[in-house]
Amino acid sequence: MNIEVNGHALRVALACNSSAEALRDLLEQGPITVSMRDYGSFEKVGPLGRRLPANDEPITTEPGDVILYQGDQVTIYYDVNSWNFTRLGHVENATPEELRQILGTGDVTATFSLEA
């Protein structure tokens, strides 16, 4: 999966669960653009606009984790947090510092898509 945000393309390795599979199926219909805001100084979060099946489990996130929250919100983590989440994937080849710089401060618009 790809995420385009602030002029940068992030490559995401999808997780192996029914939630990531449902997201992939949704993205096969076309890209999804999500308005995201900072939350807790460790993530960007925004409404997915659809509900996906959840596979929540207690996890501690790492910078680069892409998480389904409450079944209908998507988050991109740039720091750590522990909670019951569903892992959708993980950003490849980006350090925590690079993610913070790419995601910036304040609101962002992120476009999720599959590779052409």
C-alpha atoms as a PDB file:
ATOM      1  CA  MET A   1       0.000   0.000   0.000  1.00  0.00           C
ATOM      2  CA  ASN A   2       1.105   3.591  -0.528  1.00  0.00           C
ATOM      3  CA  ILE A   3       0.399   6.718   1.495  1.00  0.00           C
ATOM      4  CA  GLU A   4       0.923  10.120  -0.120  1.00  0.00           C
ATOM      5  CA  VAL A   5       1.274  12.863   2.493  1.00  0.00           C
ATOM      6  CA  ASN A   6       2.844  16.319   2.363  1.00  0.00           C
ATOM      7  CA  GLY A   7       4.406  15.574  -1.027  1.00  0.00           C
ATOM      8  CA  HIS A   8       6.030  12.343   0.161  1.00  0.00           C
ATOM      9  CA  ALA A   9       5.223   8.777  -0.857  1.00  0.00           C
ATOM     10  CA  LEU A  10       5.368   6.234   1.951  1.00  0.00           C
ATOM     11  CA  ARG A  11       5.397   2.507   1.183  1.00  0.00           C
ATOM     12  CA  VAL A  12       3.481   0.332   3.660  1.00  0.00           C
ATOM     13  CA  ALA A  13       3.794  -3.422   4.108  1.00  0.00           C
ATOM     14  CA  LEU A  14       0.285  -4.647   4.926  1.00  0.00           C
ATOM     15  CA  ALA A  15      -0.343  -6.839   7.958  1.00  0.00           C
ATOM     16  CA  CYS A  16      -1.695 -10.380   7.608  1.00  0.00           C
ATOM     17  CA  ASN A  17      -5.226 -10.118   8.993  1.00  0.00           C
ATOM     18  CA  SER A  18      -8.797  -9.670   7.779  1.00  0.00           C
ATOM     19  CA  SER A  19      -8.676  -5.924   8.518  1.00  0.00           C
ATOM     20  CA  ALA A  20      -5.701  -5.306   6.212  1.00  0.00           C
ATOM     21  CA  GLU A  21      -7.313  -7.561   3.608  1.00  0.00           C
ATOM     22  CA  ALA A  22     -10.539  -5.532   3.805  1.00  0.00           C
ATOM     23  CA  LEU A  23      -8.545  -2.305   3.411  1.00  0.00           C
ATOM     24  CA  ARG A  24      -6.743  -3.725   0.379  1.00  0.00           C
ATOM     25  CA  ASP A  25     -10.097  -4.768  -1.134  1.00  0.00           C
ATOM     26  CA  LEU A  26     -11.432  -1.253  -0.520  1.00  0.00           C
ATOM     27  CA  LEU A  27      -8.373   0.350  -2.137  1.00  0.00           C
ATOM     28  CA  GLU A  28      -8.798  -1.852  -5.207  1.00  0.00           C
ATOM     29  CA  GLN A  29     -11.859   0.336  -5.899  1.00  0.00           C
ATOM     30  CA  GLY A  30      -9.668   3.458  -5.829  1.00  0.00           C
ATOM     31  CA  PRO A  31      -7.614   5.700  -3.533  1.00  0.00           C
ATOM     32  CA  ILE A  32      -9.028   6.991  -0.243  1.00  0.00           C
ATOM     33  CA  THR A  33      -8.151  10.469   1.018  1.00  0.00           C
ATOM     34  CA  VAL A  34      -8.241  10.999   4.781  1.00  0.00           C
ATOM     35  CA  SER A  35      -8.041  14.296   6.689  1.00  0.00           C
ATOM     36  CA  MET A  36      -5.787  13.566   9.656  1.00  0.00           C
ATOM     37  CA  ARG A  37      -5.027  15.476  12.849  1.00  0.00           C
ATOM     38  CA  ASP A  38      -2.427  15.147  15.570  1.00  0.00           C
ATOM     39  CA  TYR A  39      -3.437  13.200  18.629  1.00  0.00           C
ATOM     40  CA  GLY A  40      -1.428  12.760  21.801  1.00  0.00           C
ATOM     41  CA  SER A  41       1.840  13.877  20.189  1.00  0.00           C
ATOM     42  CA  PHE A  42       2.403  10.344  18.872  1.00  0.00           C
ATOM     43  CA  GLU A  43       0.052   9.829  15.901  1.00  0.00           C
ATOM     44  CA  LYS A  44      -1.977  11.292  13.069  1.00  0.00           C
ATOM     45  CA  VAL A  45      -5.581  10.063  13.074  1.00  0.00           C
ATOM     46  CA  GLY A  46      -8.531  10.512  10.737  1.00  0.00           C
ATOM     47  CA  PRO A  47     -11.868   8.977   9.776  1.00  0.00           C
ATOM     48  CA  LEU A  48     -11.629   6.239   7.180  1.00  0.00           C
ATOM     49  CA  GLY A  49     -15.226   6.854   6.128  1.00  0.00           C
ATOM     50  CA  ARG A  50     -16.000   3.148   6.307  1.00  0.00           C
ATOM     51  CA  ARG A  51     -16.007   0.469   8.955  1.00  0.00           C
ATOM     52  CA  LEU A  52     -13.531  -2.389   8.605  1.00  0.00           C
ATOM     53  CA  PRO A  53     -13.464  -5.642  10.571  1.00  0.00           C
ATOM     54  CA  ALA A  54     -11.404  -5.224  13.724  1.00  0.00           C
ATOM     55  CA  ASN A  55      -8.785  -7.640  15.031  1.00  0.00           C
ATOM     56  CA  ASP A  56      -7.974  -5.697  18.192  1.00  0.00           C
ATOM     57  CA  GLU A  57      -5.254  -6.970  20.467  1.00  0.00           C
ATOM     58  CA  PRO A  58      -3.122  -5.329  23.145  1.00  0.00           C
ATOM     59  CA  ILE A  59      -0.069  -3.925  21.363  1.00  0.00           C
ATOM     60  CA  THR A  60       2.564  -1.279  21.752  1.00  0.00           C
ATOM     61  CA  THR A  61       2.901   0.687  18.548  1.00  0.00           C
ATOM     62  CA  GLU A  62       6.181   1.638  16.912  1.00  0.00           C
ATOM     63  CA  PRO A  63       6.866   4.644  14.704  1.00  0.00           C
ATOM     64  CA  GLY A  64       5.556   3.770  11.253  1.00  0.00           C
ATOM     65  CA  ASP A  65       2.693   1.549  12.390  1.00  0.00           C
ATOM     66  CA  VAL A  66      -0.561   2.053  10.494  1.00  0.00           C
ATOM     67  CA  ILE A  67      -3.427   1.138  12.810  1.00  0.00           C
ATOM     68  CA  LEU A  68      -7.202   0.729  12.594  1.00  0.00           C
ATOM     69  CA  TYR A  69      -8.790   2.428  15.590  1.00  0.00           C
ATOM     70  CA  GLN A  70     -12.400   1.798  16.658  1.00  0.00           C
ATOM     71  CA  GLY A  71     -13.040   0.080  13.325  1.00  0.00           C
ATOM     72  CA  ASP A  72     -13.459   3.278  11.323  1.00  0.00           C
ATOM     73  CA  GLN A  73     -10.389   5.474  11.892  1.00  0.00           C
ATOM     74  CA  VAL A  74      -6.895   5.095  10.524  1.00  0.00           C
ATOM     75  CA  THR A  75      -3.761   6.233  12.318  1.00  0.00           C
ATOM     76  CA  ILE A  76      -0.133   6.644  11.366  1.00  0.00           C
ATOM     77  CA  TYR A  77       2.148   6.466  14.388  1.00  0.00           C
ATOM     78  CA  TYR A  78       5.332   8.498  14.683  1.00  0.00           C
ATOM     79  CA  ASP A  79       5.953   7.486  18.315  1.00  0.00           C
ATOM     80  CA  VAL A  80       4.929   4.686  20.706  1.00  0.00           C
ATOM     81  CA  ASN A  81       1.610   4.029  22.427  1.00  0.00           C
ATOM     82  CA  SER A  82       0.012   0.974  24.043  1.00  0.00           C
ATOM     83  CA  TRP A  83      -3.650   0.061  23.651  1.00  0.00           C
ATOM     84  CA  ASN A  84      -6.007  -2.447  22.031  1.00  0.00           C
ATOM     85  CA  PHE A  85      -5.556  -1.866  18.304  1.00  0.00           C
ATOM     86  CA  THR A  86      -5.732  -3.579  14.952  1.00  0.00           C
ATOM     87  CA  ARG A  87      -2.512  -3.437  12.987  1.00  0.00           C
ATOM     88  CA  LEU A  88      -3.043  -2.629   9.292  1.00  0.00           C
ATOM     89  CA  GLY A  89       0.593  -2.348   8.276  1.00  0.00           C
ATOM     90  CA  HIS A  90       3.931  -0.672   8.790  1.00  0.00           C
ATOM     91  CA  VAL A  91       5.717   2.091   6.863  1.00  0.00           C
ATOM     92  CA  GLU A  92       8.888   0.747   5.306  1.00  0.00           C
ATOM     93  CA  ASN A  93      12.274   2.482   5.227  1.00  0.00           C
ATOM     94  CA  ALA A  94      11.500   5.585   7.292  1.00  0.00           C
ATOM     95  CA  THR A  95      13.070   6.502  10.607  1.00  0.00           C
ATOM     96  CA  PRO A  96      10.981   8.019  13.415  1.00  0.00           C
ATOM     97  CA  GLU A  97      12.645  11.380  12.699  1.00  0.00           C
ATOM     98  CA  GLU A  98      11.789  11.163   8.995  1.00  0.00           C
ATOM     99  CA  LEU A  99       8.177  10.282   9.809  1.00  0.00           C
ATOM    100  CA  ARG A 100       7.848  13.277  12.145  1.00  0.00           C
ATOM    101  CA  GLN A 101       9.271  15.538   9.448  1.00  0.00           C
ATOM    102  CA  ILE A 102       7.053  14.092   6.693  1.00  0.00           C
ATOM    103  CA  LEU A 103       3.873  14.167   8.788  1.00  0.00           C
ATOM    104  CA  GLY A 104       4.685  17.613  10.165  1.00  0.00           C
ATOM    105  CA  THR A 105       2.631  19.438  12.761  1.00  0.00           C
ATOM    106  CA  GLY A 106      -1.068  20.134  12.559  1.00  0.00           C
ATOM    107  CA  ASP A 107      -3.584  18.703  10.133  1.00  0.00           C
ATOM    108  CA  VAL A 108      -2.568  16.774   7.011  1.00  0.00           C
ATOM    109  CA  THR A 109      -4.308  15.111   4.122  1.00  0.00           C
ATOM    110  CA  ALA A 110      -3.157  11.571   3.376  1.00  0.00           C
ATOM    111  CA  THR A 111      -4.115   9.535   0.316  1.00  0.00           C
ATOM    112  CA  PHE A 112      -4.040   5.763   0.694  1.00  0.00           C
ATOM    113  CA  SER A 113      -3.715   3.706  -2.496  1.00  0.00           C
ATOM    114  CA  LEU A 114      -2.394   0.495  -3.986  1.00  0.00           C
ATOM    115  CA  GLU A 115       0.586   0.370  -6.311  1.00  0.00           C
ATOM    116  CA  ALA A 116      -0.319   0.716  -9.979  1.00  0.00           C
END
